[in-house]
Amino acid sequence: MNINKLSNKLIFIKSISWRLIGSTATSLIAFYFGIPVSTIGLVFFADLFLKLALYYFHEKLWIYIIQNK
């Protein structure tokens, strides 16, 4: 298998699993501080998608840097 395809798939899976953990933690903190549940849902999904994209491109940048030394 092509290392770039494997890297893309692995990075994407890592991104999703880590963001689920991180977004859940953010939601629990928001709940603890009394933020309404409907707002917590919006925060959860905004946090999930924004940080998922940022993490994915961060990982891709590191791979690019390492491969082009």
C-alpha atoms as a PDB file:
ATOM      1  CA  MET A   1       0.000   0.000   0.000  1.00  0.00           C
ATOM      2  CA  ASN A   2       1.151   3.521  -0.781  1.00  0.00           C
ATOM      3  CA  ILE A   3       2.538   5.238   2.346  1.00  0.00           C
ATOM      4  CA  ASN A   4       0.698   8.472   1.538  1.00  0.00           C
ATOM      5  CA  LYS A   5      -2.664   6.675   1.305  1.00  0.00           C
ATOM      6  CA  LEU A   6      -1.923   4.851   4.556  1.00  0.00           C
ATOM      7  CA  SER A   7      -0.860   8.104   6.179  1.00  0.00           C
ATOM      8  CA  ASN A   8      -4.016   9.906   5.066  1.00  0.00           C
ATOM      9  CA  LYS A   9      -6.256   7.134   6.369  1.00  0.00           C
ATOM     10  CA  LEU A  10      -4.382   6.835   9.674  1.00  0.00           C
ATOM     11  CA  ILE A  11      -4.320  10.595  10.208  1.00  0.00           C
ATOM     12  CA  PHE A  12      -8.041  10.820   9.517  1.00  0.00           C
ATOM     13  CA  ILE A  13      -8.866   7.986  11.949  1.00  0.00           C
ATOM     14  CA  LYS A  14      -6.605   9.491  14.624  1.00  0.00           C
ATOM     15  CA  SER A  15      -8.203  12.886  14.037  1.00  0.00           C
ATOM     16  CA  ILE A  16     -11.716  11.551  14.532  1.00  0.00           C
ATOM     17  CA  SER A  17     -10.932   9.505  17.641  1.00  0.00           C
ATOM     18  CA  TRP A  18      -9.026  12.341  19.293  1.00  0.00           C
ATOM     19  CA  ARG A  19     -11.695  14.915  18.469  1.00  0.00           C
ATOM     20  CA  LEU A  20     -14.445  12.743  19.914  1.00  0.00           C
ATOM     21  CA  ILE A  21     -12.495  12.585  23.162  1.00  0.00           C
ATOM     22  CA  GLY A  22     -11.694  16.309  23.115  1.00  0.00           C
ATOM     23  CA  SER A  23     -15.198  17.433  22.172  1.00  0.00           C
ATOM     24  CA  THR A  24     -16.723  15.224  24.849  1.00  0.00           C
ATOM     25  CA  ALA A  25     -14.418  16.779  27.436  1.00  0.00           C
ATOM     26  CA  THR A  26     -15.364  20.277  26.234  1.00  0.00           C
ATOM     27  CA  SER A  27     -19.065  19.387  26.459  1.00  0.00           C
ATOM     28  CA  LEU A  28     -18.688  18.015  29.985  1.00  0.00           C
ATOM     29  CA  ILE A  29     -16.924  21.184  31.098  1.00  0.00           C
ATOM     30  CA  ALA A  30     -19.662  23.310  29.525  1.00  0.00           C
ATOM     31  CA  PHE A  31     -22.320  21.199  31.277  1.00  0.00           C
ATOM     32  CA  TYR A  32     -20.496  21.571  34.601  1.00  0.00           C
ATOM     33  CA  PHE A  33     -20.598  25.361  34.238  1.00  0.00           C
ATOM     34  CA  GLY A  34     -24.329  25.306  33.569  1.00  0.00           C
ATOM     35  CA  ILE A  35     -24.464  26.039  29.869  1.00  0.00           C
ATOM     36  CA  PRO A  36     -27.828  24.960  28.383  1.00  0.00           C
ATOM     37  CA  VAL A  37     -27.830  21.511  26.783  1.00  0.00           C
ATOM     38  CA  SER A  38     -28.925  22.865  23.365  1.00  0.00           C
ATOM     39  CA  THR A  39     -25.942  25.209  23.361  1.00  0.00           C
ATOM     40  CA  ILE A  40     -23.625  22.399  24.456  1.00  0.00           C
ATOM     41  CA  GLY A  41     -24.714  20.410  21.400  1.00  0.00           C
ATOM     42  CA  LEU A  42     -23.791  23.296  19.121  1.00  0.00           C
ATOM     43  CA  VAL A  43     -20.465  23.740  20.901  1.00  0.00           C
ATOM     44  CA  PHE A  44     -19.776  19.986  20.631  1.00  0.00           C
ATOM     45  CA  PHE A  45     -20.252  19.880  16.850  1.00  0.00           C
ATOM     46  CA  ALA A  46     -18.494  23.188  16.150  1.00  0.00           C
ATOM     47  CA  ASP A  47     -15.559  22.064  18.298  1.00  0.00           C
ATOM     48  CA  LEU A  48     -15.544  18.624  16.675  1.00  0.00           C
ATOM     49  CA  PHE A  49     -15.456  19.773  13.051  1.00  0.00           C
ATOM     50  CA  LEU A  50     -13.211  22.806  13.441  1.00  0.00           C
ATOM     51  CA  LYS A  51     -10.556  21.037  15.482  1.00  0.00           C
ATOM     52  CA  LEU A  52     -10.809  17.892  13.345  1.00  0.00           C
ATOM     53  CA  ALA A  53      -9.869  19.925  10.293  1.00  0.00           C
ATOM     54  CA  LEU A  54      -7.101  21.779  12.125  1.00  0.00           C
ATOM     55  CA  TYR A  55      -5.603  18.550  13.490  1.00  0.00           C
ATOM     56  CA  TYR A  56      -5.735  16.834  10.088  1.00  0.00           C
ATOM     57  CA  PHE A  57      -3.916  19.674   8.323  1.00  0.00           C
ATOM     58  CA  HIS A  58      -1.433  19.962  11.196  1.00  0.00           C
ATOM     59  CA  GLU A  59      -0.532  16.286  10.764  1.00  0.00           C
ATOM     60  CA  LYS A  60      -0.262  16.680   6.983  1.00  0.00           C
ATOM     61  CA  LEU A  61       2.074  19.645   7.463  1.00  0.00           C
ATOM     62  CA  TRP A  62       4.337  17.605   9.740  1.00  0.00           C
ATOM     63  CA  ILE A  63       4.481  14.771   7.218  1.00  0.00           C
ATOM     64  CA  TYR A  64       5.354  17.284   4.498  1.00  0.00           C
ATOM     65  CA  ILE A  65       8.120  18.787   6.649  1.00  0.00           C
ATOM     66  CA  ILE A  66       9.578  15.397   7.559  1.00  0.00           C
ATOM     67  CA  GLN A  67       9.532  14.111   3.964  1.00  0.00           C
ATOM     68  CA  ASN A  68      11.125  17.258   2.571  1.00  0.00           C
ATOM     69  CA  LYS A  69      14.072  17.670   4.923  1.00  0.00           C
END
